Amino acid sequence: MSPVAPKIVAFCCEQSGVLALDMAKSSNAKLPDNLELVPVPCSGRIETLYLLRALESGADGVVVFACYEENCRYLQGNIRLKSRVGYAKQLLAKIGLEPERLEIFPLATNSGVKCAEFLMRKSDQLGALGPNLGKTAKE
């Protein structure tokens, strides 16, 4: 019996991450088995609560695919995200969860292969960390 792949929730900016993942899929790049995609208009719209709630609800890791800082269509969105992710990582450390379970990955729209490679590395890293013990038990 093979181990269950870590669950990754990927918040994807519609201006970069969604397009890069579409490119990865169309080129048949290998992606993790247990991947949930959440498209968002801009990474700056993701509140800290949503990042933490994804972990609480069963994700072993959360990634946010955002535009590069100088390429944000909404000017400062990814800078706001960076601050929120930093705060969320501090909260994770305080409650005893590994901050590595949460990560931002900047992407361009044509970075499908890079996106897929990152997700596979992240899946391996989360597998080495083991299951997220901070998730709430399902009734």
N, C-alpha and C. Protein backbone atom coordinates (compact mmCIF):
# COMPACT_ATOMS: atom_id res chain seq x y z
N MET A 1 0.85 -1.18 0.00
CA MET A 1 0.00 0.00 0.00
C MET A 1 0.89 1.24 0.00
N SER A 2 0.68 2.12 -0.98
CA SER A 2 1.52 3.32 -1.06
C SER A 2 0.96 4.41 -0.15
N PRO A 3 1.86 5.25 0.39
CA PRO A 3 1.40 6.31 1.28
C PRO A 3 0.54 7.32 0.53
N VAL A 4 -0.37 7.95 1.25
CA VAL A 4 -1.24 8.96 0.65
C VAL A 4 -0.40 10.21 0.37
N ALA A 5 -0.57 10.75 -0.82
CA ALA A 5 0.16 11.96 -1.19
C ALA A 5 -0.31 13.12 -0.32
N PRO A 6 0.61 13.99 0.06
CA PRO A 6 0.21 15.16 0.86
C PRO A 6 -0.79 16.01 0.08
N LYS A 7 -1.77 16.54 0.79
CA LYS A 7 -2.75 17.42 0.14
C LYS A 7 -2.18 18.83 0.10
N ILE A 8 -2.17 19.39 -1.11
CA ILE A 8 -1.70 20.76 -1.31
C ILE A 8 -2.85 21.59 -1.84
N VAL A 9 -3.12 22.70 -1.17
CA VAL A 9 -4.07 23.69 -1.68
C VAL A 9 -3.25 24.80 -2.32
N ALA A 10 -3.52 25.06 -3.59
CA ALA A 10 -2.78 26.09 -4.33
C ALA A 10 -3.73 27.22 -4.70
N PHE A 11 -3.54 28.37 -4.06
CA PHE A 11 -4.25 29.58 -4.44
C PHE A 11 -3.52 30.14 -5.65
N CYS A 12 -4.25 30.39 -6.73
CA CYS A 12 -3.61 30.78 -7.99
C CYS A 12 -4.16 32.10 -8.50
N CYS A 13 -3.28 33.08 -8.63
CA CYS A 13 -3.65 34.35 -9.23
C CYS A 13 -4.12 34.08 -10.66
N GLU A 14 -5.26 34.64 -11.02
CA GLU A 14 -5.79 34.44 -12.37
C GLU A 14 -4.92 35.10 -13.45
N GLN A 15 -4.04 36.01 -13.05
CA GLN A 15 -3.18 36.71 -14.00
C GLN A 15 -1.89 35.95 -14.29
N SER A 16 -1.53 34.98 -13.44
CA SER A 16 -0.27 34.26 -13.64
C SER A 16 -0.40 32.77 -13.29
N GLY A 17 -0.73 32.46 -12.07
CA GLY A 17 -0.74 31.08 -11.60
C GLY A 17 -1.69 30.18 -12.35
N VAL A 18 -2.90 30.65 -12.60
CA VAL A 18 -3.88 29.84 -13.33
C VAL A 18 -3.35 29.52 -14.73
N LEU A 19 -2.81 30.52 -15.39
CA LEU A 19 -2.31 30.33 -16.75
C LEU A 19 -1.09 29.41 -16.78
N ALA A 20 -0.21 29.54 -15.80
CA ALA A 20 0.96 28.66 -15.74
C ALA A 20 0.53 27.21 -15.48
N LEU A 21 -0.44 27.01 -14.59
CA LEU A 21 -0.92 25.65 -14.33
C LEU A 21 -1.63 25.07 -15.56
N ASP A 22 -2.38 25.88 -16.28
CA ASP A 22 -3.00 25.41 -17.52
C ASP A 22 -1.93 24.96 -18.50
N MET A 23 -0.83 25.73 -18.58
CA MET A 23 0.27 25.36 -19.47
C MET A 23 0.89 24.03 -19.02
N ALA A 24 1.07 23.87 -17.71
CA ALA A 24 1.65 22.63 -17.18
C ALA A 24 0.77 21.44 -17.55
N LYS A 25 -0.54 21.60 -17.38
CA LYS A 25 -1.46 20.51 -17.70
C LYS A 25 -1.45 20.19 -19.19
N SER A 26 -1.45 21.22 -20.02
CA SER A 26 -1.50 20.99 -21.46
C SER A 26 -0.21 20.36 -21.99
N SER A 27 0.89 20.55 -21.26
CA SER A 27 2.15 19.93 -21.69
C SER A 27 2.37 18.58 -20.99
N ASN A 28 1.34 18.11 -20.30
CA ASN A 28 1.38 16.82 -19.59
C ASN A 28 2.49 16.73 -18.55
N ALA A 29 2.82 17.87 -17.94
CA ALA A 29 3.81 17.87 -16.86
C ALA A 29 3.24 17.13 -15.67
N LYS A 30 4.09 16.43 -14.95
CA LYS A 30 3.64 15.69 -13.77
C LYS A 30 3.30 16.67 -12.65
N LEU A 31 2.10 16.48 -12.08
CA LEU A 31 1.62 17.29 -10.97
C LEU A 31 1.30 16.36 -9.79
N PRO A 32 1.35 16.87 -8.57
CA PRO A 32 1.01 16.03 -7.41
C PRO A 32 -0.42 15.49 -7.52
N ASP A 33 -0.62 14.31 -6.96
CA ASP A 33 -1.93 13.66 -7.04
C ASP A 33 -3.00 14.37 -6.21
N ASN A 34 -2.64 14.90 -5.09
CA ASN A 34 -3.61 15.45 -4.15
C ASN A 34 -3.53 16.98 -4.14
N LEU A 35 -3.84 17.58 -5.28
CA LEU A 35 -3.71 19.02 -5.48
C LEU A 35 -5.09 19.64 -5.66
N GLU A 36 -5.36 20.68 -4.88
CA GLU A 36 -6.62 21.42 -5.02
C GLU A 36 -6.28 22.85 -5.45
N LEU A 37 -6.86 23.28 -6.56
CA LEU A 37 -6.60 24.61 -7.09
C LEU A 37 -7.72 25.57 -6.72
N VAL A 38 -7.33 26.76 -6.26
CA VAL A 38 -8.30 27.79 -5.89
C VAL A 38 -7.92 29.06 -6.66
N PRO A 39 -8.63 29.34 -7.77
CA PRO A 39 -8.31 30.56 -8.52
C PRO A 39 -8.78 31.81 -7.75
N VAL A 40 -7.98 32.85 -7.79
CA VAL A 40 -8.33 34.13 -7.17
C VAL A 40 -8.00 35.25 -8.17
N PRO A 41 -8.78 36.35 -8.15
CA PRO A 41 -8.52 37.43 -9.11
C PRO A 41 -7.12 38.03 -8.96
N CYS A 42 -6.62 38.09 -7.73
CA CYS A 42 -5.30 38.63 -7.44
C CYS A 42 -4.84 38.01 -6.13
N SER A 43 -3.57 37.68 -6.03
CA SER A 43 -3.07 37.07 -4.80
C SER A 43 -3.24 38.01 -3.60
N GLY A 44 -3.29 39.30 -3.85
CA GLY A 44 -3.48 40.27 -2.79
C GLY A 44 -4.86 40.22 -2.16
N ARG A 45 -5.78 39.50 -2.76
CA ARG A 45 -7.13 39.35 -2.22
C ARG A 45 -7.22 38.24 -1.18
N ILE A 46 -6.16 37.47 -1.03
CA ILE A 46 -6.17 36.34 -0.10
C ILE A 46 -5.86 36.84 1.31
N GLU A 47 -6.82 36.71 2.18
CA GLU A 47 -6.64 37.11 3.58
C GLU A 47 -5.90 36.01 4.33
N THR A 48 -5.22 36.38 5.39
CA THR A 48 -4.49 35.43 6.24
C THR A 48 -5.40 34.30 6.69
N LEU A 49 -6.63 34.63 7.02
CA LEU A 49 -7.60 33.63 7.50
C LEU A 49 -7.77 32.48 6.51
N TYR A 50 -7.81 32.78 5.20
CA TYR A 50 -8.01 31.74 4.19
C TYR A 50 -6.81 30.79 4.11
N LEU A 51 -5.62 31.34 4.28
CA LEU A 51 -4.41 30.52 4.27
C LEU A 51 -4.44 29.54 5.44
N LEU A 52 -4.77 30.06 6.62
CA LEU A 52 -4.82 29.22 7.82
C LEU A 52 -5.98 28.24 7.78
N ARG A 53 -7.10 28.68 7.26
CA ARG A 53 -8.27 27.80 7.19
C ARG A 53 -8.02 26.62 6.26
N ALA A 54 -7.26 26.82 5.20
CA ALA A 54 -6.93 25.70 4.30
C ALA A 54 -6.15 24.63 5.05
N LEU A 55 -5.22 25.04 5.90
CA LEU A 55 -4.46 24.08 6.71
C LEU A 55 -5.35 23.43 7.76
N GLU A 56 -6.20 24.21 8.39
CA GLU A 56 -7.10 23.68 9.41
C GLU A 56 -8.08 22.67 8.82
N SER A 57 -8.45 22.88 7.56
CA SER A 57 -9.45 22.03 6.91
C SER A 57 -8.87 20.78 6.29
N GLY A 58 -7.58 20.54 6.43
CA GLY A 58 -7.05 19.27 5.97
C GLY A 58 -5.87 19.32 5.02
N ALA A 59 -5.49 20.51 4.58
CA ALA A 59 -4.32 20.58 3.69
C ALA A 59 -3.05 20.31 4.49
N ASP A 60 -2.12 19.60 3.88
CA ASP A 60 -0.81 19.41 4.48
C ASP A 60 0.11 20.58 4.16
N GLY A 61 -0.22 21.30 3.09
CA GLY A 61 0.54 22.47 2.70
C GLY A 61 -0.30 23.39 1.84
N VAL A 62 0.09 24.67 1.85
CA VAL A 62 -0.60 25.69 1.06
C VAL A 62 0.45 26.46 0.28
N VAL A 63 0.21 26.63 -1.01
CA VAL A 63 1.07 27.47 -1.82
C VAL A 63 0.21 28.54 -2.48
N VAL A 64 0.84 29.67 -2.73
CA VAL A 64 0.17 30.75 -3.44
C VAL A 64 1.02 31.08 -4.66
N PHE A 65 0.41 30.91 -5.83
CA PHE A 65 1.08 31.29 -7.06
C PHE A 65 0.68 32.72 -7.38
N ALA A 66 1.65 33.61 -7.32
CA ALA A 66 1.42 35.04 -7.51
C ALA A 66 2.28 35.56 -8.64
N CYS A 67 1.94 36.74 -9.11
CA CYS A 67 2.77 37.42 -10.11
C CYS A 67 4.05 37.89 -9.44
N TYR A 68 5.06 38.13 -10.24
CA TYR A 68 6.26 38.78 -9.73
C TYR A 68 5.87 40.18 -9.27
N GLU A 69 6.57 40.69 -8.24
CA GLU A 69 6.20 41.98 -7.66
C GLU A 69 6.05 43.09 -8.68
N GLU A 70 6.95 43.19 -9.61
CA GLU A 70 6.88 44.27 -10.58
C GLU A 70 5.83 44.05 -11.67
N ASN A 71 5.17 42.90 -11.67
CA ASN A 71 4.20 42.57 -12.71
C ASN A 71 2.76 42.48 -12.23
N CYS A 72 2.48 42.85 -11.00
CA CYS A 72 1.12 42.72 -10.49
C CYS A 72 0.19 43.69 -11.22
N ARG A 73 -0.83 43.15 -11.80
CA ARG A 73 -1.82 43.96 -12.52
C ARG A 73 -2.49 44.97 -11.60
N TYR A 74 -2.61 44.60 -10.33
CA TYR A 74 -3.26 45.45 -9.36
C TYR A 74 -2.25 46.21 -8.49
N LEU A 75 -1.05 46.37 -9.01
CA LEU A 75 0.04 47.18 -8.46
C LEU A 75 0.68 46.63 -7.20
N GLN A 76 -0.05 46.48 -6.11
CA GLN A 76 0.53 46.12 -4.82
C GLN A 76 0.00 44.80 -4.26
N GLY A 77 -0.79 44.08 -5.03
CA GLY A 77 -1.44 42.87 -4.52
C GLY A 77 -0.48 41.86 -3.93
N ASN A 78 0.56 41.54 -4.66
CA ASN A 78 1.48 40.51 -4.19
C ASN A 78 2.34 41.01 -3.02
N ILE A 79 2.48 42.32 -2.88
CA ILE A 79 3.21 42.86 -1.73
C ILE A 79 2.36 42.70 -0.47
N ARG A 80 1.05 42.95 -0.60
CA ARG A 80 0.14 42.69 0.53
C ARG A 80 0.15 41.21 0.89
N LEU A 81 0.16 40.36 -0.12
CA LEU A 81 0.20 38.91 0.13
C LEU A 81 1.45 38.53 0.91
N LYS A 82 2.58 39.05 0.52
CA LYS A 82 3.85 38.72 1.17
C LYS A 82 3.77 39.02 2.67
N SER A 83 3.18 40.14 3.02
CA SER A 83 3.01 40.51 4.42
C SER A 83 2.08 39.53 5.14
N ARG A 84 1.00 39.15 4.50
CA ARG A 84 0.03 38.23 5.11
C ARG A 84 0.63 36.84 5.30
N VAL A 85 1.39 36.38 4.33
CA VAL A 85 2.03 35.06 4.45
C VAL A 85 3.06 35.09 5.58
N GLY A 86 3.81 36.17 5.68
CA GLY A 86 4.77 36.29 6.78
C GLY A 86 4.08 36.21 8.14
N TYR A 87 2.96 36.90 8.27
CA TYR A 87 2.20 36.88 9.52
C TYR A 87 1.65 35.47 9.79
N ALA A 88 1.11 34.83 8.76
CA ALA A 88 0.57 33.47 8.91
C ALA A 88 1.66 32.50 9.34
N LYS A 89 2.87 32.64 8.79
CA LYS A 89 3.98 31.76 9.18
C LYS A 89 4.35 31.96 10.65
N GLN A 90 4.29 33.20 11.13
CA GLN A 90 4.55 33.46 12.54
C GLN A 90 3.50 32.76 13.40
N LEU A 91 2.24 32.82 12.99
CA LEU A 91 1.17 32.16 13.74
C LEU A 91 1.36 30.64 13.74
N LEU A 92 1.75 30.09 12.60
CA LEU A 92 1.98 28.64 12.51
C LEU A 92 3.07 28.23 13.49
N ALA A 93 4.16 28.97 13.52
CA ALA A 93 5.27 28.65 14.43
C ALA A 93 4.80 28.71 15.88
N LYS A 94 3.96 29.68 16.22
CA LYS A 94 3.47 29.82 17.59
C LYS A 94 2.61 28.64 18.02
N ILE A 95 1.88 28.04 17.08
CA ILE A 95 1.02 26.92 17.46
C ILE A 95 1.69 25.56 17.21
N GLY A 96 2.96 25.60 16.82
CA GLY A 96 3.71 24.36 16.69
C GLY A 96 3.65 23.70 15.32
N LEU A 97 3.19 24.40 14.30
CA LEU A 97 3.20 23.86 12.94
C LEU A 97 4.38 24.45 12.17
N GLU A 98 4.91 23.67 11.28
CA GLU A 98 6.07 24.08 10.50
C GLU A 98 5.67 25.21 9.53
N PRO A 99 6.36 26.35 9.59
CA PRO A 99 6.07 27.45 8.65
C PRO A 99 6.28 27.05 7.19
N GLU A 100 7.07 26.00 6.95
CA GLU A 100 7.32 25.53 5.57
C GLU A 100 6.06 24.98 4.92
N ARG A 101 5.02 24.80 5.68
CA ARG A 101 3.76 24.30 5.11
C ARG A 101 3.06 25.37 4.27
N LEU A 102 3.56 26.60 4.33
CA LEU A 102 2.96 27.71 3.60
C LEU A 102 4.05 28.43 2.80
N GLU A 103 3.77 28.66 1.51
CA GLU A 103 4.81 29.27 0.68
C GLU A 103 4.20 30.06 -0.48
N ILE A 104 4.86 31.15 -0.81
CA ILE A 104 4.53 31.94 -2.01
C ILE A 104 5.49 31.50 -3.11
N PHE A 105 4.98 31.39 -4.31
CA PHE A 105 5.85 31.10 -5.45
C PHE A 105 5.47 32.04 -6.59
N PRO A 106 6.35 33.00 -6.92
CA PRO A 106 6.04 33.91 -8.02
C PRO A 106 6.20 33.22 -9.37
N LEU A 107 5.27 33.52 -10.27
CA LEU A 107 5.27 32.88 -11.59
C LEU A 107 4.93 33.87 -12.69
N ALA A 108 5.44 33.61 -13.86
CA ALA A 108 4.98 34.27 -15.07
C ALA A 108 3.98 33.34 -15.75
N THR A 109 3.21 33.88 -16.65
CA THR A 109 2.17 33.08 -17.30
C THR A 109 2.73 31.90 -18.09
N ASN A 110 3.97 32.01 -18.56
CA ASN A 110 4.57 30.95 -19.39
C ASN A 110 5.48 30.01 -18.60
N SER A 111 5.24 29.92 -17.30
CA SER A 111 6.12 29.12 -16.42
C SER A 111 5.50 27.78 -16.03
N GLY A 112 4.85 27.13 -16.95
CA GLY A 112 4.17 25.87 -16.64
C GLY A 112 5.09 24.79 -16.11
N VAL A 113 6.22 24.59 -16.75
CA VAL A 113 7.17 23.56 -16.31
C VAL A 113 7.73 23.91 -14.93
N LYS A 114 8.11 25.16 -14.76
CA LYS A 114 8.63 25.63 -13.47
C LYS A 114 7.60 25.43 -12.36
N CYS A 115 6.35 25.70 -12.66
CA CYS A 115 5.26 25.53 -11.71
C CYS A 115 5.12 24.06 -11.31
N ALA A 116 5.09 23.18 -12.29
CA ALA A 116 4.95 21.74 -12.03
C ALA A 116 6.13 21.21 -11.22
N GLU A 117 7.34 21.62 -11.57
CA GLU A 117 8.53 21.18 -10.83
C GLU A 117 8.47 21.64 -9.38
N PHE A 118 8.05 22.89 -9.16
CA PHE A 118 7.92 23.41 -7.80
C PHE A 118 6.91 22.58 -7.01
N LEU A 119 5.76 22.29 -7.61
CA LEU A 119 4.73 21.52 -6.90
C LEU A 119 5.21 20.12 -6.54
N MET A 120 5.96 19.49 -7.41
CA MET A 120 6.49 18.16 -7.10
C MET A 120 7.50 18.22 -5.96
N ARG A 121 8.37 19.25 -5.97
CA ARG A 121 9.32 19.43 -4.85
C ARG A 121 8.58 19.70 -3.55
N LYS A 122 7.53 20.52 -3.63
CA LYS A 122 6.75 20.86 -2.44
C LYS A 122 6.07 19.61 -1.91
N SER A 123 5.55 18.77 -2.77
CA SER A 123 4.90 17.53 -2.35
C SER A 123 5.91 16.63 -1.64
N ASP A 124 7.12 16.53 -2.18
CA ASP A 124 8.17 15.73 -1.54
C ASP A 124 8.53 16.31 -0.16
N GLN A 125 8.65 17.64 -0.09
CA GLN A 125 8.98 18.31 1.17
C GLN A 125 7.88 18.05 2.21
N LEU A 126 6.62 18.17 1.81
CA LEU A 126 5.51 17.95 2.74
C LEU A 126 5.44 16.48 3.15
N GLY A 127 5.75 15.59 2.23
CA GLY A 127 5.79 14.17 2.57
C GLY A 127 6.82 13.89 3.64
N ALA A 128 7.97 14.55 3.55
CA ALA A 128 9.02 14.39 4.55
C ALA A 128 8.62 14.98 5.90
N LEU A 129 7.84 16.06 5.89
CA LEU A 129 7.36 16.66 7.14
C LEU A 129 6.33 15.77 7.83
N GLY A 130 5.61 15.01 7.02
CA GLY A 130 4.55 14.17 7.57
C GLY A 130 3.22 14.91 7.54
N PRO A 131 2.16 14.22 7.97
CA PRO A 131 0.82 14.82 7.92
C PRO A 131 0.73 16.08 8.79
N ASN A 132 -0.14 16.96 8.39
CA ASN A 132 -0.44 18.17 9.14
C ASN A 132 -1.24 17.77 10.38
N LEU A 133 -0.62 17.86 11.53
CA LEU A 133 -1.28 17.47 12.78
C LEU A 133 -2.17 18.57 13.31
N GLY A 134 -2.17 19.74 12.69
CA GLY A 134 -2.99 20.86 13.14
C GLY A 134 -4.37 20.88 12.53
N LYS A 135 -4.65 19.98 11.58
CA LYS A 135 -5.97 19.99 10.96
C LYS A 135 -7.01 19.47 11.93
N THR A 136 -8.20 19.96 11.78
CA THR A 136 -9.28 19.52 12.67
C THR A 136 -9.77 18.16 12.22
N ALA A 137 -10.14 17.36 13.19
CA ALA A 137 -10.65 16.02 12.89
C ALA A 137 -12.02 16.11 12.24
N LYS A 138 -12.23 15.30 11.22
CA LYS A 138 -13.54 15.26 10.55
C LYS A 138 -14.44 14.34 11.35
N GLU A 139 -15.65 14.80 11.56
CA GLU A 139 -16.62 14.00 12.36
C GLU A 139 -17.07 12.80 11.55
